[in-house]
Amino acid sequence: MRQNVVVLGSTGSIGDSTLDVIGRNPSKFKLAALSCDSSYELLAQQCELYKPLFAVVTLKKTAQKLSERLKELQCSTEVVFGVESLCEILRESNIDIVVAAIVGSAGLRPTLAAIQSGKKVLLANKESLVMAGPLMMRAAAAGKATILPIDSEHNAIFQCLPLNYSKTGCGGVIKLSLSASGGPFRGWNLDKMQGVSPSQACAHPNWKMGQKVSIDSATLMNKGLEVIEASFLFDLPTDRIEVVLHPQSILHSAVHFADGSVLAQLGNPDMRIPIAHALGWPDRIESGVDALDMRSLGKLEFSEVDDYNFPCLRLAYEASRVGGDAPTALNAANEVAVAAFLNLRISFNQISEVVEYLMNTYSFSELRSLEAVEEADLRARSISEARVCKIES
């Protein structure tokens, strides 16, 4: 029997890769719904090709444009709009798998709704777990949801963990190593990075990603968010999660065990591998990615990360140690700063300056509800936007 899948953020790079894997396995999966923010032309093309029951966009005016386009294409997919409409679809009992690929804080409510409804959630939206990790994990336990990470690093760790890890809590695991390519500015110092442009920062050497994730990779904030995410997913403090510079992006992450063994997952840098693993889990399915030819790899390099010239990683570790709403505030400040950089309001190096200012001035507190998460997010954004305006002036 085919499983019904909803793809949140289907027009992004993760969504596109997910649709490719699903298209290669038509006997196993059926698309129930696709969602995006505003890219209705691309969403219309996806609806024509995959024929989901629903297409969901954020705004009513976008929904009207999408409906008109689907009518022209003679596509019967029903169009709805708004976060609550999307959450209602996710709560339907016939939905089996939800791919959470919306970038940033916009993915928080729908991802939480899927988890609360006990779905199999394929998590690419790391920000939702960074913002509301304790709430997400409690909801997963209460709703008996299965969270499978599809970030390449976290999926690699999941593949290397012992089968009894979730039941025993430890399973002999003493440390996790997350690999980092170093992005386009690996080996650069702060002076050299001062005048870089958004197009330079988005030019990742190994991965094809959207603008926001590409900028986060260039600052290493992406890796900092992944450290926080890994702490929640695998129930380990961040002082037992290290980041290792690995420019080839072949070894995606590793797990260290008490007996001295280290298990690592290797593969070509293609997001279809972790997506296919999570979609098919516990089985393996076709991903469309060529097998890794180990004979032609040559030298694989590993080294320490430079957190002096890339301070965002250090700030993420600090937020995790503080706990409470510190990761929520960190993520909000970063989203504001990245948007400001992409809009040429601040320089590349000032992204970390905005985040550090927020971390030094924000009054942290505990997170007890979704409303508290959203309030913390708004408060941190306000402080960070004021800092951006001061830098501009």
Protein backbone atom coordinates (compact mmCIF):
# COMPACT_ATOMS: atom_id res chain seq x y z
CA MET A 1 0.00 0.00 0.00
CA ARG A 2 1.32 3.45 -0.93
CA GLN A 3 2.00 5.97 1.84
CA ASN A 4 0.48 9.45 1.62
CA VAL A 5 3.12 12.17 1.76
CA VAL A 6 2.91 15.92 2.38
CA VAL A 7 5.91 18.02 1.35
CA LEU A 8 6.21 21.32 3.22
CA GLY A 9 8.33 23.70 1.16
CA SER A 10 8.13 21.69 -2.06
CA THR A 11 9.57 24.45 -4.28
CA GLY A 12 12.87 24.66 -2.36
CA SER A 13 15.95 22.53 -2.96
CA ILE A 14 15.00 19.90 -0.35
CA GLY A 15 11.44 19.78 -1.66
CA ASP A 16 12.66 19.35 -5.21
CA SER A 17 14.98 16.50 -4.19
CA THR A 18 12.13 14.86 -2.26
CA LEU A 19 9.85 14.95 -5.29
CA ASP A 20 12.60 13.40 -7.39
CA VAL A 21 12.96 10.47 -4.97
CA ILE A 22 9.18 10.01 -4.74
CA GLY A 23 8.96 10.06 -8.52
CA ARG A 24 11.45 7.18 -8.65
CA ASN A 25 9.31 5.12 -6.27
CA PRO A 26 5.72 5.54 -7.51
CA SER A 27 4.57 2.22 -6.09
CA LYS A 28 5.54 3.25 -2.55
CA PHE A 29 4.39 6.86 -2.18
CA LYS A 30 1.51 9.13 -3.17
CA LEU A 31 1.63 12.92 -2.81
CA ALA A 32 -1.30 14.17 -0.76
CA ALA A 33 -0.27 17.84 -0.56
CA LEU A 34 2.46 20.27 -1.56
CA SER A 35 3.09 23.64 0.04
CA CYS A 36 5.17 26.76 -0.57
CA ASP A 37 5.18 30.42 0.37
CA SER A 38 4.90 32.39 -2.89
CA SER A 39 6.50 30.46 -5.79
CA TYR A 40 3.13 29.58 -7.27
CA GLU A 41 4.36 29.11 -10.86
CA LEU A 42 6.75 26.35 -9.82
CA LEU A 43 4.16 24.88 -7.47
CA ALA A 44 1.70 24.76 -10.39
CA GLN A 45 4.23 22.81 -12.46
CA GLN A 46 4.69 20.36 -9.58
CA CYS A 47 0.93 19.94 -9.22
CA GLU A 48 0.57 19.24 -12.95
CA LEU A 49 3.30 16.61 -12.78
CA TYR A 50 2.50 14.90 -9.44
CA LYS A 51 -1.25 15.65 -9.07
CA PRO A 52 -1.50 16.03 -5.28
CA LEU A 53 -4.92 16.42 -3.71
CA PHE A 54 -4.01 19.80 -2.18
CA ALA A 55 -1.69 22.71 -2.85
CA VAL A 56 -1.16 25.15 0.02
CA VAL A 57 0.28 28.67 -0.12
CA THR A 58 0.65 31.33 2.54
CA LEU A 59 -1.51 34.19 1.23
CA LYS A 60 -5.00 34.39 -0.31
CA LYS A 61 -3.79 36.47 -3.28
CA THR A 62 -1.17 33.83 -4.10
CA ALA A 63 -3.83 31.13 -3.84
CA GLN A 64 -5.95 32.99 -6.38
CA LYS A 65 -3.05 33.17 -8.83
CA LEU A 66 -2.28 29.50 -8.31
CA SER A 67 -5.92 28.51 -8.85
CA GLU A 68 -6.01 30.42 -12.13
CA ARG A 69 -2.81 28.78 -13.30
CA LEU A 70 -4.01 25.27 -12.38
CA LYS A 71 -7.26 25.91 -14.22
CA GLU A 72 -5.23 26.76 -17.34
CA LEU A 73 -3.32 23.50 -16.89
CA GLN A 74 -6.55 21.57 -16.34
CA CYS A 75 -5.20 20.32 -13.02
CA SER A 76 -7.78 19.33 -10.39
CA THR A 77 -5.56 19.92 -7.32
CA GLU A 78 -7.49 21.89 -4.68
CA VAL A 79 -5.85 25.15 -3.58
CA VAL A 80 -6.02 26.40 0.02
CA PHE A 81 -4.07 29.07 1.88
CA GLY A 82 -2.84 29.91 5.35
CA VAL A 83 -0.94 28.14 8.11
CA GLU A 84 -4.07 26.83 9.83
CA SER A 85 -5.39 25.27 6.63
CA LEU A 86 -2.04 23.56 6.19
CA CYS A 87 -2.08 22.30 9.78
CA GLU A 88 -5.58 20.88 9.28
CA ILE A 89 -4.34 18.84 6.32
CA LEU A 90 -1.39 17.59 8.35
CA ARG A 91 -3.71 16.39 11.11
CA GLU A 92 -5.74 14.20 8.75
CA SER A 93 -5.57 10.53 9.69
CA ASN A 94 -4.74 9.40 6.15
CA ILE A 95 -1.45 11.35 6.09
CA ASP A 96 1.47 9.03 6.76
CA ILE A 97 4.63 11.07 6.10
CA VAL A 98 5.34 14.80 6.40
CA VAL A 99 8.55 16.20 4.90
CA ALA A 100 9.31 19.39 6.86
CA ALA A 101 11.43 21.38 4.40
CA ILE A 102 10.19 24.93 5.01
CA VAL A 103 13.20 27.16 5.69
CA GLY A 104 13.36 29.16 8.91
CA SER A 105 10.88 29.93 11.64
CA ALA A 106 7.94 29.74 9.21
CA GLY A 107 8.15 25.96 9.54
CA LEU A 108 7.52 25.93 13.30
CA ARG A 109 3.72 25.62 13.50
CA PRO A 110 3.18 23.09 10.67
CA THR A 111 6.09 20.93 11.83
CA LEU A 112 4.73 20.91 15.38
CA ALA A 113 1.23 20.07 14.10
CA ALA A 114 2.61 17.06 12.22
CA ILE A 115 4.53 15.88 15.29
CA GLN A 116 1.54 16.32 17.60
CA SER A 117 -0.53 14.24 15.16
CA GLY A 118 1.86 11.31 15.44
CA LYS A 119 3.15 11.40 11.87
CA LYS A 120 6.42 10.13 10.47
CA VAL A 121 8.18 13.50 10.16
CA LEU A 122 11.19 13.87 7.91
CA LEU A 123 12.89 16.88 9.43
CA ALA A 124 14.93 19.29 7.31
CA ASN A 125 13.61 22.41 9.05
CA LYS A 126 16.26 22.52 11.77
CA GLU A 127 15.09 25.97 12.89
CA SER A 128 11.84 24.58 14.32
CA LEU A 129 13.79 22.24 16.59
CA VAL A 130 16.30 24.97 17.50
CA MET A 131 13.46 27.34 18.41
CA ALA A 132 11.30 24.89 20.32
CA GLY A 133 13.31 21.74 20.95
CA PRO A 134 11.86 20.83 24.37
CA LEU A 135 8.29 21.33 23.12
CA MET A 136 8.93 19.35 19.95
CA MET A 137 10.46 16.37 21.73
CA ARG A 138 7.69 16.28 24.36
CA ALA A 139 5.08 16.46 21.61
CA ALA A 140 6.80 13.62 19.73
CA ALA A 141 6.71 11.43 22.81
CA ALA A 142 3.07 12.27 23.58
CA GLY A 143 1.89 11.85 20.00
CA LYS A 144 4.13 8.83 19.31
CA ALA A 145 5.55 10.58 16.26
CA THR A 146 8.67 9.35 14.51
CA ILE A 147 11.19 12.10 13.73
CA LEU A 148 13.74 11.14 11.09
CA PRO A 149 16.36 13.77 10.25
CA ILE A 150 17.13 14.46 6.60
CA ASP A 151 19.90 16.98 7.08
CA SER A 152 22.82 14.99 5.72
CA GLU A 153 24.78 15.19 8.99
CA HIS A 154 21.97 14.15 11.31
CA ASN A 155 20.79 11.45 8.97
CA ALA A 156 24.37 10.11 8.90
CA ILE A 157 24.41 9.99 12.70
CA PHE A 158 21.03 8.25 12.75
CA GLN A 159 22.35 5.61 10.35
CA CYS A 160 25.41 4.99 12.56
CA LEU A 161 23.63 4.77 15.92
CA PRO A 162 22.84 1.36 17.44
CA LEU A 163 19.29 0.13 16.93
CA ASN A 164 18.61 0.23 20.68
CA TYR A 165 19.82 3.82 21.09
CA SER A 166 16.41 5.38 21.57
CA LYS A 167 15.49 2.74 24.15
CA THR A 168 18.67 2.72 26.17
CA GLY A 169 19.47 6.42 25.96
CA CYS A 170 23.19 5.91 25.45
CA GLY A 171 24.08 2.66 23.71
CA GLY A 172 27.78 3.20 24.37
CA VAL A 173 27.83 6.53 22.49
CA ILE A 174 30.34 8.98 23.92
CA LYS A 175 30.58 11.68 21.23
CA LEU A 176 29.20 12.83 17.86
CA SER A 177 31.21 14.45 15.07
CA LEU A 178 29.36 16.69 12.62
CA SER A 179 31.26 17.36 9.41
CA ALA A 180 31.46 20.88 7.95
CA SER A 181 32.69 21.72 4.46
CA GLY A 182 33.72 25.20 5.55
CA GLY A 183 31.59 26.82 2.86
CA PRO A 184 32.91 29.20 0.19
CA PHE A 185 35.18 31.09 2.60
CA ARG A 186 37.06 28.22 4.18
CA GLY A 187 40.51 29.45 5.25
CA TRP A 188 39.58 33.13 4.97
CA ASN A 189 39.98 35.62 7.81
CA LEU A 190 37.62 38.39 8.90
CA ASP A 191 39.47 41.08 6.95
CA LYS A 192 39.24 39.11 3.70
CA MET A 193 35.53 38.44 4.23
CA GLN A 194 34.62 42.05 4.98
CA GLY A 195 33.54 43.00 1.47
CA VAL A 196 32.06 39.74 0.17
CA SER A 197 28.77 39.91 -1.73
CA PRO A 198 25.62 37.80 -1.28
CA SER A 199 26.37 36.01 -4.56
CA GLN A 200 29.82 35.05 -3.30
CA ALA A 201 28.39 33.85 0.03
CA CYS A 202 25.75 31.75 -1.76
CA ALA A 203 28.30 29.99 -3.97
CA HIS A 204 28.71 26.81 -1.91
CA PRO A 205 31.44 24.56 -3.34
CA ASN A 206 29.65 21.23 -2.76
CA TRP A 207 25.92 21.64 -2.16
CA LYS A 208 23.07 23.31 -4.05
CA MET A 209 20.94 25.12 -1.46
CA GLY A 210 18.64 28.11 -1.08
CA GLN A 211 19.94 31.57 -0.20
CA LYS A 212 19.32 31.48 3.54
CA VAL A 213 20.90 28.07 4.12
CA SER A 214 23.81 29.00 1.84
CA ILE A 215 24.55 32.15 3.86
CA ASP A 216 24.29 30.15 7.09
CA SER A 217 26.78 27.68 5.65
CA ALA A 218 29.17 30.50 4.77
CA THR A 219 29.04 31.94 8.33
CA LEU A 220 29.01 28.44 9.90
CA MET A 221 25.77 29.34 11.68
CA ASN A 222 24.23 26.42 9.82
CA LYS A 223 26.62 24.13 11.63
CA GLY A 224 25.84 25.83 14.94
CA LEU A 225 22.13 25.26 14.41
CA GLU A 226 22.89 21.64 13.54
CA VAL A 227 24.78 21.21 16.83
CA ILE A 228 21.70 22.40 18.74
CA GLU A 229 19.45 20.20 16.62
CA ALA A 230 21.66 17.16 17.24
CA SER A 231 21.55 17.79 20.98
CA PHE A 232 17.74 17.51 20.96
CA LEU A 233 17.50 14.68 18.43
CA PHE A 234 20.06 12.45 20.10
CA ASP A 235 19.71 13.61 23.73
CA LEU A 236 23.33 14.61 24.19
CA PRO A 237 24.77 17.85 25.63
CA THR A 238 26.57 20.02 23.10
CA ASP A 239 29.92 19.51 24.84
CA ARG A 240 29.74 15.95 23.44
CA ILE A 241 29.05 17.16 19.90
CA GLU A 242 32.03 18.42 17.92
CA VAL A 243 32.31 20.02 14.49
CA VAL A 244 35.05 18.77 12.18
CA LEU A 245 36.13 20.59 9.04
CA HIS A 246 35.92 18.24 6.04
CA PRO A 247 35.99 20.16 2.73
CA GLN A 248 35.18 17.20 0.46
CA SER A 249 31.71 16.58 2.03
CA ILE A 250 32.07 12.83 1.58
CA LEU A 251 32.04 11.74 5.23
CA HIS A 252 28.84 13.29 6.50
CA SER A 253 29.15 12.61 10.23
CA ALA A 254 30.45 10.03 12.71
CA VAL A 255 29.55 8.43 16.04
CA HIS A 256 32.22 7.64 18.66
CA PHE A 257 31.68 4.69 20.99
CA ALA A 258 33.02 3.74 24.43
CA ASP A 259 35.12 0.86 23.03
CA GLY A 260 37.09 3.23 20.78
CA SER A 261 35.14 2.43 17.62
CA VAL A 262 34.04 5.23 15.30
CA LEU A 263 31.25 4.60 12.78
CA ALA A 264 30.80 7.06 9.92
CA GLN A 265 28.46 7.38 6.95
CA LEU A 266 29.96 8.24 3.56
CA GLY A 267 28.28 9.17 0.31
CA ASN A 268 28.28 11.62 -2.56
CA PRO A 269 27.09 15.11 -1.55
CA ASP A 270 23.49 14.76 -2.74
CA MET A 271 20.48 15.37 -0.50
CA ARG A 272 18.52 12.61 -2.20
CA ILE A 273 20.53 10.05 -0.20
CA PRO A 274 19.31 11.08 3.29
CA ILE A 275 15.84 11.81 1.92
CA ALA A 276 15.56 8.34 0.37
CA HIS A 277 16.88 6.75 3.56
CA ALA A 278 14.25 8.46 5.70
CA LEU A 279 11.39 7.94 3.24
CA GLY A 280 12.08 4.23 2.99
CA TRP A 281 13.20 3.59 6.58
CA PRO A 282 13.59 0.93 7.84
CA ASP A 283 14.03 -0.29 4.25
CA ARG A 284 16.33 1.12 1.55
CA ILE A 285 14.88 2.56 -1.65
CA GLU A 286 16.15 4.01 -4.92
CA SER A 287 17.52 7.57 -4.59
CA GLY A 288 18.85 8.26 -8.08
CA VAL A 289 22.34 8.98 -6.72
CA ASP A 290 25.39 7.20 -8.09
CA ALA A 291 27.23 4.94 -5.66
CA LEU A 292 30.39 6.35 -4.14
CA ASP A 293 33.51 5.20 -5.99
CA MET A 294 35.99 4.91 -3.14
CA ARG A 295 38.86 4.12 -5.51
CA SER A 296 38.68 7.59 -7.02
CA LEU A 297 38.23 9.60 -3.84
CA GLY A 298 41.85 10.49 -3.25
CA LYS A 299 42.65 12.27 -0.01
CA LEU A 300 39.97 13.08 2.56
CA GLU A 301 40.92 15.99 4.84
CA PHE A 302 39.84 16.67 8.42
CA SER A 303 40.79 19.57 10.69
CA GLU A 304 39.55 21.87 13.44
CA VAL A 305 37.04 24.61 12.72
CA ASP A 306 38.18 28.24 13.04
CA ASP A 307 35.60 29.73 15.39
CA TYR A 308 37.52 32.99 15.75
CA ASN A 309 36.99 34.06 12.14
CA PHE A 310 33.62 32.28 12.09
CA PRO A 311 32.11 33.34 15.45
CA CYS A 312 28.54 32.20 14.69
CA LEU A 313 29.47 28.64 15.60
CA ARG A 314 30.72 29.77 19.02
CA LEU A 315 27.54 31.78 19.57
CA ALA A 316 25.38 28.73 18.84
CA TYR A 317 27.27 26.66 21.42
CA GLU A 318 26.76 29.48 23.94
CA ALA A 319 23.02 29.60 23.24
CA SER A 320 22.72 25.87 23.78
CA ARG A 321 24.58 26.08 27.10
CA VAL A 322 22.28 28.90 28.30
CA GLY A 323 19.18 26.93 27.26
CA GLY A 324 15.62 28.13 27.64
CA ASP A 325 14.75 30.58 24.87
CA ALA A 326 18.40 31.38 24.06
CA PRO A 327 18.42 29.15 20.93
CA THR A 328 15.08 30.71 19.92
CA ALA A 329 16.58 34.19 20.21
CA LEU A 330 19.77 33.16 18.44
CA ASN A 331 17.80 31.82 15.47
CA ALA A 332 15.65 34.96 15.27
CA ALA A 333 18.67 37.27 15.33
CA ASN A 334 20.37 35.22 12.65
CA GLU A 335 17.32 35.29 10.36
CA VAL A 336 17.08 39.07 10.71
CA ALA A 337 20.80 39.52 10.08
CA VAL A 338 20.90 37.19 7.05
CA ALA A 339 17.93 38.99 5.49
CA ALA A 340 19.67 42.32 6.09
CA PHE A 341 22.85 41.06 4.42
CA LEU A 342 20.95 39.71 1.41
CA ASN A 343 19.27 43.13 1.10
CA LEU A 344 22.69 44.88 1.27
CA ARG A 345 21.88 46.61 4.56
CA ILE A 346 24.82 45.15 6.48
CA SER A 347 28.11 43.48 5.58
CA PHE A 348 28.82 39.77 5.78
CA ASN A 349 30.86 40.11 8.99
CA GLN A 350 28.08 42.13 10.61
CA ILE A 351 25.79 39.09 10.56
CA SER A 352 27.67 37.67 13.55
CA GLU A 353 27.86 41.15 15.09
CA VAL A 354 24.04 41.42 15.12
CA VAL A 355 23.70 37.92 16.61
CA GLU A 356 26.33 38.58 19.29
CA TYR A 357 24.69 41.87 20.23
CA LEU A 358 21.39 40.06 20.73
CA MET A 359 23.00 37.35 22.83
CA ASN A 360 24.63 39.99 25.07
CA THR A 361 21.49 42.09 25.59
CA TYR A 362 18.56 39.65 25.56
CA SER A 363 16.97 38.57 28.86
CA PHE A 364 16.61 34.79 28.62
CA SER A 365 13.78 32.76 30.15
CA GLU A 366 12.29 29.27 30.13
CA LEU A 367 10.08 27.97 27.32
CA ARG A 368 6.78 26.55 28.53
CA SER A 369 4.49 26.88 25.51
CA LEU A 370 4.33 27.56 21.78
CA GLU A 371 3.13 31.07 22.59
CA ALA A 372 6.26 31.64 24.69
CA VAL A 373 8.41 30.48 21.77
CA GLU A 374 6.70 32.87 19.38
CA GLU A 375 6.90 35.75 21.86
CA ALA A 376 10.62 35.15 22.34
CA ASP A 377 11.08 35.01 18.59
CA LEU A 378 9.31 38.35 18.06
CA ARG A 379 11.18 40.05 20.91
CA ALA A 380 14.56 38.89 19.59
CA ARG A 381 13.67 40.02 16.08
CA SER A 382 12.75 43.48 17.34
CA ILE A 383 16.06 43.88 19.17
CA SER A 384 18.03 42.57 16.19
CA GLU A 385 16.22 44.78 13.66
CA ALA A 386 16.97 47.81 15.83
CA ARG A 387 20.63 46.82 15.81
CA VAL A 388 20.61 46.50 12.02
CA CYS A 389 19.09 49.97 11.73
CA LYS A 390 21.79 51.39 14.01
CA ILE A 391 24.52 49.79 11.88
CA GLU A 392 22.93 51.29 8.75
CA SER A 393 22.86 54.76 10.25
